[in-house]
Amino acid sequence: MIKLNVNGRAATVDADPDTPLLWVLREHLGLTGTKYGCGIAACGACTVHVDGGAVRSCSFPVGEAKDRKITTIEGLSHNRSHPVQKAWIAEQVPQCGYCQSGMIMAVAALLAEKPRPTDADIDAAITNICRCGTYQRIRKAIHVAAGFSQ
């Protein structure tokens, strides 16, 4: 049994410690906002926060998450009031939307670390893949979110 803190709530799961956190979130806890994209930590669709930092949950063993604070897209805010969520809506970022929960989580981690990121900061930190190619809207929304959070 592994004790977790997910979105501010205690959870205990019966899973092998090597099981990717992604599958524990989705299959054991029913938090399906975190998406499976590639399974090799390349695309970022599965990005969540562990102790505030962006982590690709498809390659992060649940045993490493024990006693750490995990936040998924469901826990970022309960009413879409997080600055990144507000900016995503204002700038109409999603096209298909599949990558967006991971993208939002990566951006939220960036803004927590660098509240006013430059384009170079964005390029270095946001390596998530958007197959629809909405990168122009994503960059604009990041700058909008930085203004919301001030």
N, C-alpha and C. Protein backbone atom coordinates (compact mmCIF):
# COMPACT_ATOMS: atom_id res chain seq x y z
N MET A 1 0.85 -1.18 0.00
CA MET A 1 0.00 0.00 0.00
C MET A 1 0.90 1.25 0.00
N ILE A 2 0.53 2.18 -0.87
CA ILE A 2 1.31 3.41 -1.00
C ILE A 2 0.40 4.58 -0.64
N LYS A 3 0.87 5.41 0.29
CA LYS A 3 0.11 6.58 0.71
C LYS A 3 0.52 7.77 -0.15
N LEU A 4 -0.50 8.44 -0.69
CA LEU A 4 -0.27 9.59 -1.56
C LEU A 4 -1.07 10.79 -1.07
N ASN A 5 -0.63 11.96 -1.47
CA ASN A 5 -1.37 13.20 -1.26
C ASN A 5 -1.66 13.75 -2.65
N VAL A 6 -2.90 13.59 -3.11
CA VAL A 6 -3.27 13.99 -4.46
C VAL A 6 -4.34 15.06 -4.38
N ASN A 7 -4.03 16.21 -4.93
CA ASN A 7 -4.96 17.35 -4.95
C ASN A 7 -5.45 17.70 -3.55
N GLY A 8 -4.53 17.59 -2.58
CA GLY A 8 -4.84 17.97 -1.21
C GLY A 8 -5.58 16.91 -0.41
N ARG A 9 -5.75 15.74 -0.98
CA ARG A 9 -6.46 14.67 -0.29
C ARG A 9 -5.55 13.46 -0.12
N ALA A 10 -5.69 12.80 1.01
CA ALA A 10 -4.94 11.59 1.25
C ALA A 10 -5.56 10.45 0.45
N ALA A 11 -4.70 9.61 -0.11
CA ALA A 11 -5.15 8.43 -0.85
C ALA A 11 -4.17 7.31 -0.57
N THR A 12 -4.70 6.10 -0.50
CA THR A 12 -3.87 4.92 -0.35
C THR A 12 -4.19 4.00 -1.52
N VAL A 13 -3.15 3.55 -2.19
CA VAL A 13 -3.35 2.68 -3.35
C VAL A 13 -2.54 1.41 -3.19
N ASP A 14 -3.10 0.35 -3.71
CA ASP A 14 -2.42 -0.94 -3.73
C ASP A 14 -1.84 -1.11 -5.13
N ALA A 15 -0.60 -0.68 -5.28
CA ALA A 15 0.06 -0.73 -6.59
C ALA A 15 1.54 -1.03 -6.40
N ASP A 16 2.13 -1.66 -7.39
CA ASP A 16 3.55 -1.90 -7.39
C ASP A 16 4.25 -0.54 -7.40
N PRO A 17 5.27 -0.33 -6.58
CA PRO A 17 5.96 0.97 -6.54
C PRO A 17 6.53 1.43 -7.88
N ASP A 18 6.77 0.48 -8.80
CA ASP A 18 7.31 0.83 -10.11
C ASP A 18 6.23 1.22 -11.12
N THR A 19 4.96 1.11 -10.75
CA THR A 19 3.86 1.49 -11.65
C THR A 19 3.95 2.98 -11.94
N PRO A 20 3.86 3.38 -13.20
CA PRO A 20 3.87 4.81 -13.49
C PRO A 20 2.72 5.55 -12.78
N LEU A 21 3.06 6.70 -12.24
CA LEU A 21 2.08 7.52 -11.54
C LEU A 21 0.85 7.77 -12.41
N LEU A 22 1.03 7.95 -13.70
CA LEU A 22 -0.08 8.18 -14.63
C LEU A 22 -1.17 7.13 -14.45
N TRP A 23 -0.77 5.86 -14.42
CA TRP A 23 -1.78 4.79 -14.36
C TRP A 23 -2.44 4.71 -13.01
N VAL A 24 -1.72 5.06 -11.96
CA VAL A 24 -2.34 5.09 -10.63
C VAL A 24 -3.37 6.21 -10.58
N LEU A 25 -3.02 7.38 -11.11
CA LEU A 25 -3.97 8.50 -11.13
C LEU A 25 -5.22 8.13 -11.91
N ARG A 26 -5.05 7.58 -13.08
CA ARG A 26 -6.19 7.28 -13.96
C ARG A 26 -6.98 6.04 -13.51
N GLU A 27 -6.28 4.95 -13.26
CA GLU A 27 -6.95 3.67 -13.02
C GLU A 27 -7.35 3.45 -11.56
N HIS A 28 -6.52 3.87 -10.63
CA HIS A 28 -6.82 3.65 -9.21
C HIS A 28 -7.64 4.79 -8.61
N LEU A 29 -7.35 6.02 -9.04
CA LEU A 29 -8.00 7.18 -8.43
C LEU A 29 -9.06 7.83 -9.31
N GLY A 30 -9.19 7.40 -10.55
CA GLY A 30 -10.23 7.92 -11.45
C GLY A 30 -10.00 9.35 -11.90
N LEU A 31 -8.77 9.83 -11.83
CA LEU A 31 -8.45 11.19 -12.26
C LEU A 31 -7.98 11.13 -13.72
N THR A 32 -8.92 11.20 -14.62
CA THR A 32 -8.64 10.98 -16.04
C THR A 32 -8.27 12.24 -16.82
N GLY A 33 -8.15 13.36 -16.15
CA GLY A 33 -7.71 14.57 -16.83
C GLY A 33 -6.28 14.49 -17.30
N THR A 34 -5.46 13.72 -16.61
CA THR A 34 -4.08 13.50 -17.01
C THR A 34 -4.10 12.46 -18.12
N LYS A 35 -3.53 12.79 -19.26
CA LYS A 35 -3.64 11.96 -20.45
C LYS A 35 -2.39 11.14 -20.72
N TYR A 36 -2.59 9.99 -21.35
CA TYR A 36 -1.49 9.18 -21.87
C TYR A 36 -1.22 9.63 -23.30
N GLY A 37 0.02 9.95 -23.59
CA GLY A 37 0.36 10.36 -24.95
C GLY A 37 1.37 9.44 -25.60
N CYS A 38 2.53 9.29 -24.98
CA CYS A 38 3.60 8.53 -25.63
C CYS A 38 4.16 7.40 -24.77
N GLY A 39 4.12 7.55 -23.47
CA GLY A 39 4.65 6.54 -22.57
C GLY A 39 6.16 6.59 -22.36
N ILE A 40 6.82 7.58 -22.96
CA ILE A 40 8.29 7.68 -22.83
C ILE A 40 8.72 9.08 -22.37
N ALA A 41 7.81 9.83 -21.79
CA ALA A 41 8.10 11.16 -21.23
C ALA A 41 8.54 12.17 -22.28
N ALA A 42 8.13 11.99 -23.52
CA ALA A 42 8.54 12.89 -24.59
C ALA A 42 7.49 13.96 -24.90
N CYS A 43 6.21 13.63 -24.82
CA CYS A 43 5.19 14.55 -25.33
C CYS A 43 4.63 15.51 -24.29
N GLY A 44 4.57 15.10 -23.03
CA GLY A 44 4.09 15.98 -21.97
C GLY A 44 2.61 15.96 -21.71
N ALA A 45 1.84 15.15 -22.41
CA ALA A 45 0.39 15.08 -22.18
C ALA A 45 0.07 14.63 -20.76
N CYS A 46 0.99 13.93 -20.13
CA CYS A 46 0.77 13.37 -18.79
C CYS A 46 1.34 14.23 -17.67
N THR A 47 1.70 15.48 -17.95
CA THR A 47 2.35 16.33 -16.97
C THR A 47 1.45 16.62 -15.78
N VAL A 48 2.00 16.41 -14.59
CA VAL A 48 1.37 16.76 -13.32
C VAL A 48 2.43 17.48 -12.49
N HIS A 49 2.04 17.97 -11.33
CA HIS A 49 3.01 18.57 -10.41
C HIS A 49 3.30 17.59 -9.29
N VAL A 50 4.56 17.46 -8.96
CA VAL A 50 4.99 16.74 -7.76
C VAL A 50 5.82 17.74 -6.96
N ASP A 51 5.32 18.06 -5.77
CA ASP A 51 5.94 19.10 -4.94
C ASP A 51 6.13 20.40 -5.72
N GLY A 52 5.17 20.72 -6.58
CA GLY A 52 5.17 21.97 -7.31
C GLY A 52 5.90 21.96 -8.64
N GLY A 53 6.70 20.95 -8.89
CA GLY A 53 7.45 20.88 -10.14
C GLY A 53 6.73 20.03 -11.18
N ALA A 54 6.91 20.38 -12.44
CA ALA A 54 6.29 19.62 -13.53
C ALA A 54 7.00 18.28 -13.70
N VAL A 55 6.20 17.21 -13.75
CA VAL A 55 6.72 15.86 -13.87
C VAL A 55 5.92 15.12 -14.93
N ARG A 56 6.58 14.37 -15.76
CA ARG A 56 5.91 13.53 -16.76
C ARG A 56 5.52 12.23 -16.06
N SER A 57 4.25 12.09 -15.76
CA SER A 57 3.78 11.01 -14.90
C SER A 57 3.84 9.63 -15.55
N CYS A 58 3.99 9.57 -16.87
CA CYS A 58 4.07 8.26 -17.54
C CYS A 58 5.37 7.53 -17.22
N SER A 59 6.37 8.26 -16.77
CA SER A 59 7.66 7.64 -16.47
C SER A 59 8.10 7.88 -15.03
N PHE A 60 7.17 8.36 -14.20
CA PHE A 60 7.47 8.65 -12.80
C PHE A 60 6.85 7.55 -11.94
N PRO A 61 7.67 6.70 -11.31
CA PRO A 61 7.12 5.60 -10.52
C PRO A 61 6.32 6.10 -9.32
N VAL A 62 5.18 5.48 -9.08
CA VAL A 62 4.33 5.91 -7.97
C VAL A 62 5.06 5.79 -6.64
N GLY A 63 5.99 4.85 -6.53
CA GLY A 63 6.76 4.72 -5.29
C GLY A 63 7.56 5.97 -4.97
N GLU A 64 7.95 6.73 -6.02
CA GLU A 64 8.69 7.98 -5.83
C GLU A 64 7.76 9.12 -5.37
N ALA A 65 6.47 8.92 -5.52
CA ALA A 65 5.49 9.95 -5.17
C ALA A 65 5.03 9.85 -3.72
N LYS A 66 5.40 8.78 -3.06
CA LYS A 66 4.99 8.57 -1.68
C LYS A 66 5.36 9.77 -0.81
N ASP A 67 4.39 10.25 -0.04
CA ASP A 67 4.58 11.36 0.90
C ASP A 67 4.96 12.68 0.23
N ARG A 68 4.67 12.81 -1.05
CA ARG A 68 4.92 14.06 -1.76
C ARG A 68 3.58 14.64 -2.21
N LYS A 69 3.55 15.92 -2.46
CA LYS A 69 2.32 16.61 -2.87
C LYS A 69 2.15 16.51 -4.38
N ILE A 70 1.08 15.83 -4.81
CA ILE A 70 0.80 15.64 -6.23
C ILE A 70 -0.41 16.51 -6.59
N THR A 71 -0.29 17.24 -7.69
CA THR A 71 -1.42 18.03 -8.18
C THR A 71 -1.65 17.66 -9.63
N THR A 72 -2.90 17.33 -9.94
CA THR A 72 -3.31 17.04 -11.31
C THR A 72 -4.12 18.22 -11.83
N ILE A 73 -4.50 18.16 -13.09
CA ILE A 73 -5.32 19.22 -13.67
C ILE A 73 -6.61 19.41 -12.88
N GLU A 74 -7.15 18.32 -12.33
CA GLU A 74 -8.38 18.43 -11.54
C GLU A 74 -8.16 19.23 -10.26
N GLY A 75 -6.93 19.24 -9.76
CA GLY A 75 -6.64 19.94 -8.51
C GLY A 75 -6.03 21.31 -8.69
N LEU A 76 -5.78 21.73 -9.93
CA LEU A 76 -5.18 23.04 -10.16
C LEU A 76 -6.09 24.14 -9.66
N SER A 77 -7.38 24.02 -9.97
CA SER A 77 -8.42 24.89 -9.38
C SER A 77 -9.74 24.17 -9.57
N HIS A 78 -10.67 24.48 -8.71
CA HIS A 78 -11.96 23.79 -8.79
C HIS A 78 -12.96 24.51 -9.70
N ASN A 79 -12.62 25.73 -10.12
CA ASN A 79 -13.57 26.51 -10.91
C ASN A 79 -12.91 27.24 -12.08
N ARG A 80 -11.82 26.69 -12.58
CA ARG A 80 -11.08 27.27 -13.71
C ARG A 80 -10.56 28.68 -13.41
N SER A 81 -10.26 28.95 -12.14
CA SER A 81 -9.83 30.29 -11.75
C SER A 81 -8.31 30.46 -11.74
N HIS A 82 -7.58 29.41 -12.00
CA HIS A 82 -6.11 29.55 -12.06
C HIS A 82 -5.77 30.46 -13.23
N PRO A 83 -4.79 31.35 -13.09
CA PRO A 83 -4.44 32.27 -14.17
C PRO A 83 -4.18 31.59 -15.51
N VAL A 84 -3.57 30.42 -15.51
CA VAL A 84 -3.30 29.73 -16.78
C VAL A 84 -4.62 29.26 -17.41
N GLN A 85 -5.51 28.72 -16.60
CA GLN A 85 -6.80 28.29 -17.14
C GLN A 85 -7.59 29.48 -17.69
N LYS A 86 -7.56 30.60 -16.98
CA LYS A 86 -8.25 31.80 -17.46
C LYS A 86 -7.67 32.27 -18.79
N ALA A 87 -6.35 32.26 -18.89
CA ALA A 87 -5.69 32.70 -20.13
C ALA A 87 -5.99 31.73 -21.27
N TRP A 88 -6.00 30.44 -20.98
CA TRP A 88 -6.30 29.44 -22.01
C TRP A 88 -7.68 29.68 -22.60
N ILE A 89 -8.63 30.00 -21.72
CA ILE A 89 -10.00 30.27 -22.19
C ILE A 89 -10.05 31.58 -22.95
N ALA A 90 -9.42 32.62 -22.41
CA ALA A 90 -9.44 33.94 -23.05
C ALA A 90 -8.81 33.91 -24.44
N GLU A 91 -7.74 33.14 -24.60
CA GLU A 91 -7.03 33.09 -25.88
C GLU A 91 -7.47 31.93 -26.77
N GLN A 92 -8.46 31.17 -26.32
CA GLN A 92 -9.00 30.05 -27.09
C GLN A 92 -7.87 29.15 -27.60
N VAL A 93 -7.03 28.73 -26.68
CA VAL A 93 -5.85 27.95 -27.04
C VAL A 93 -6.17 26.59 -27.64
N PRO A 94 -7.00 25.76 -27.00
CA PRO A 94 -7.13 24.38 -27.49
C PRO A 94 -7.75 24.28 -28.88
N GLN A 95 -7.26 23.33 -29.61
CA GLN A 95 -7.91 22.95 -30.86
C GLN A 95 -8.54 21.59 -30.59
N CYS A 96 -7.78 20.52 -30.60
CA CYS A 96 -8.37 19.22 -30.23
C CYS A 96 -8.44 19.08 -28.72
N GLY A 97 -7.48 19.67 -28.01
CA GLY A 97 -7.50 19.69 -26.55
C GLY A 97 -6.79 18.55 -25.86
N TYR A 98 -6.34 17.54 -26.58
CA TYR A 98 -5.79 16.36 -25.94
C TYR A 98 -4.57 16.68 -25.08
N CYS A 99 -3.67 17.50 -25.56
CA CYS A 99 -2.44 17.81 -24.84
C CYS A 99 -2.62 18.89 -23.79
N GLN A 100 -3.76 19.52 -23.77
CA GLN A 100 -3.90 20.76 -23.02
C GLN A 100 -3.78 20.62 -21.50
N SER A 101 -4.25 19.54 -20.90
CA SER A 101 -4.10 19.44 -19.45
C SER A 101 -2.62 19.37 -19.08
N GLY A 102 -1.84 18.61 -19.82
CA GLY A 102 -0.41 18.55 -19.56
C GLY A 102 0.28 19.87 -19.85
N MET A 103 -0.14 20.53 -20.91
CA MET A 103 0.43 21.83 -21.27
C MET A 103 0.14 22.85 -20.16
N ILE A 104 -1.09 22.89 -19.70
CA ILE A 104 -1.48 23.82 -18.64
C ILE A 104 -0.67 23.56 -17.37
N MET A 105 -0.48 22.29 -17.03
CA MET A 105 0.29 21.97 -15.82
C MET A 105 1.75 22.38 -15.98
N ALA A 106 2.33 22.19 -17.16
CA ALA A 106 3.71 22.61 -17.40
C ALA A 106 3.84 24.13 -17.29
N VAL A 107 2.88 24.85 -17.86
CA VAL A 107 2.91 26.31 -17.81
C VAL A 107 2.71 26.81 -16.38
N ALA A 108 1.81 26.21 -15.64
CA ALA A 108 1.59 26.62 -14.25
C ALA A 108 2.86 26.46 -13.43
N ALA A 109 3.60 25.37 -13.66
CA ALA A 109 4.87 25.17 -12.95
C ALA A 109 5.89 26.23 -13.36
N LEU A 110 5.95 26.55 -14.65
CA LEU A 110 6.86 27.59 -15.12
C LEU A 110 6.55 28.92 -14.46
N LEU A 111 5.27 29.31 -14.45
CA LEU A 111 4.91 30.61 -13.89
C LEU A 111 5.11 30.66 -12.37
N ALA A 112 5.01 29.53 -11.70
CA ALA A 112 5.29 29.51 -10.26
C ALA A 112 6.76 29.78 -10.00
N GLU A 113 7.60 29.33 -10.92
CA GLU A 113 9.04 29.54 -10.79
C GLU A 113 9.49 30.89 -11.35
N LYS A 114 8.89 31.27 -12.50
CA LYS A 114 9.25 32.53 -13.17
C LYS A 114 7.96 33.26 -13.53
N PRO A 115 7.50 34.14 -12.67
CA PRO A 115 6.20 34.79 -12.90
C PRO A 115 6.13 35.64 -14.18
N ARG A 116 7.25 36.10 -14.69
CA ARG A 116 7.29 36.90 -15.91
C ARG A 116 8.28 36.27 -16.90
N PRO A 117 7.95 35.12 -17.47
CA PRO A 117 8.92 34.45 -18.33
C PRO A 117 9.13 35.18 -19.66
N THR A 118 10.34 35.11 -20.14
CA THR A 118 10.65 35.61 -21.47
C THR A 118 10.30 34.51 -22.48
N ASP A 119 10.35 34.85 -23.76
CA ASP A 119 10.14 33.82 -24.77
C ASP A 119 11.20 32.73 -24.67
N ALA A 120 12.43 33.10 -24.32
CA ALA A 120 13.50 32.10 -24.16
C ALA A 120 13.19 31.17 -22.98
N ASP A 121 12.66 31.74 -21.89
CA ASP A 121 12.26 30.92 -20.74
C ASP A 121 11.17 29.93 -21.15
N ILE A 122 10.21 30.41 -21.91
CA ILE A 122 9.10 29.56 -22.37
C ILE A 122 9.65 28.44 -23.25
N ASP A 123 10.52 28.79 -24.19
CA ASP A 123 11.10 27.78 -25.08
C ASP A 123 11.86 26.71 -24.30
N ALA A 124 12.57 27.11 -23.26
CA ALA A 124 13.37 26.16 -22.48
C ALA A 124 12.49 25.28 -21.59
N ALA A 125 11.43 25.83 -21.04
CA ALA A 125 10.63 25.10 -20.05
C ALA A 125 9.47 24.31 -20.64
N ILE A 126 8.86 24.82 -21.68
CA ILE A 126 7.66 24.18 -22.22
C ILE A 126 8.06 23.35 -23.43
N THR A 127 8.32 22.08 -23.18
CA THR A 127 8.74 21.16 -24.24
C THR A 127 7.63 20.18 -24.60
N ASN A 128 6.44 20.45 -24.10
CA ASN A 128 5.28 19.61 -24.43
C ASN A 128 4.97 19.73 -25.92
N ILE A 129 4.42 18.66 -26.47
CA ILE A 129 4.07 18.63 -27.88
C ILE A 129 2.58 18.86 -28.07
N CYS A 130 2.26 19.76 -29.00
CA CYS A 130 0.87 20.00 -29.40
C CYS A 130 0.77 19.59 -30.87
N ARG A 131 0.11 18.49 -31.12
CA ARG A 131 0.02 18.00 -32.50
C ARG A 131 -0.78 18.93 -33.40
N CYS A 132 -1.65 19.73 -32.82
CA CYS A 132 -2.44 20.67 -33.62
C CYS A 132 -1.64 21.93 -33.97
N GLY A 133 -0.52 22.13 -33.29
CA GLY A 133 0.34 23.26 -33.61
C GLY A 133 -0.18 24.60 -33.12
N THR A 134 -0.80 24.64 -31.95
CA THR A 134 -1.34 25.90 -31.44
C THR A 134 -0.29 26.69 -30.67
N TYR A 135 0.96 26.53 -31.01
CA TYR A 135 2.05 27.13 -30.25
C TYR A 135 1.96 28.66 -30.17
N GLN A 136 1.48 29.32 -31.20
CA GLN A 136 1.36 30.79 -31.17
C GLN A 136 0.36 31.20 -30.07
N ARG A 137 -0.77 30.50 -30.03
CA ARG A 137 -1.78 30.81 -29.01
C ARG A 137 -1.28 30.42 -27.62
N ILE A 138 -0.54 29.34 -27.53
CA ILE A 138 0.02 28.91 -26.24
C ILE A 138 0.96 29.99 -25.71
N ARG A 139 1.88 30.46 -26.55
CA ARG A 139 2.83 31.49 -26.11
C ARG A 139 2.09 32.75 -25.67
N LYS A 140 1.10 33.17 -26.45
CA LYS A 140 0.34 34.37 -26.09
C LYS A 140 -0.38 34.15 -24.76
N ALA A 141 -0.98 32.99 -24.58
CA ALA A 141 -1.70 32.72 -23.34
C ALA A 141 -0.76 32.69 -22.14
N ILE A 142 0.46 32.23 -22.32
CA ILE A 142 1.43 32.23 -21.21
C ILE A 142 1.69 33.67 -20.77
N HIS A 143 1.88 34.56 -21.72
CA HIS A 143 2.11 35.95 -21.37
C HIS A 143 0.87 36.58 -20.74
N VAL A 144 -0.31 36.22 -21.23
CA VAL A 144 -1.56 36.71 -20.63
C VAL A 144 -1.67 36.20 -19.19
N ALA A 145 -1.38 34.92 -18.98
CA ALA A 145 -1.47 34.34 -17.64
C ALA A 145 -0.48 35.02 -16.69
N ALA A 146 0.68 35.36 -17.19
CA ALA A 146 1.66 36.07 -16.35
C ALA A 146 1.09 37.41 -15.90
N GLY A 147 0.32 38.05 -16.75
CA GLY A 147 -0.34 39.30 -16.36
C GLY A 147 -1.46 39.08 -15.36
N PHE A 148 -2.20 38.00 -15.50
CA PHE A 148 -3.29 37.68 -14.57
C PHE A 148 -2.75 37.42 -13.17
N SER A 149 -1.58 36.80 -13.10
CA SER A 149 -1.08 36.37 -11.79
C SER A 149 -0.35 37.47 -11.05
N GLN A 150 -0.22 38.64 -11.65
CA GLN A 150 0.47 39.75 -10.98
C GLN A 150 -0.47 40.51 -10.07
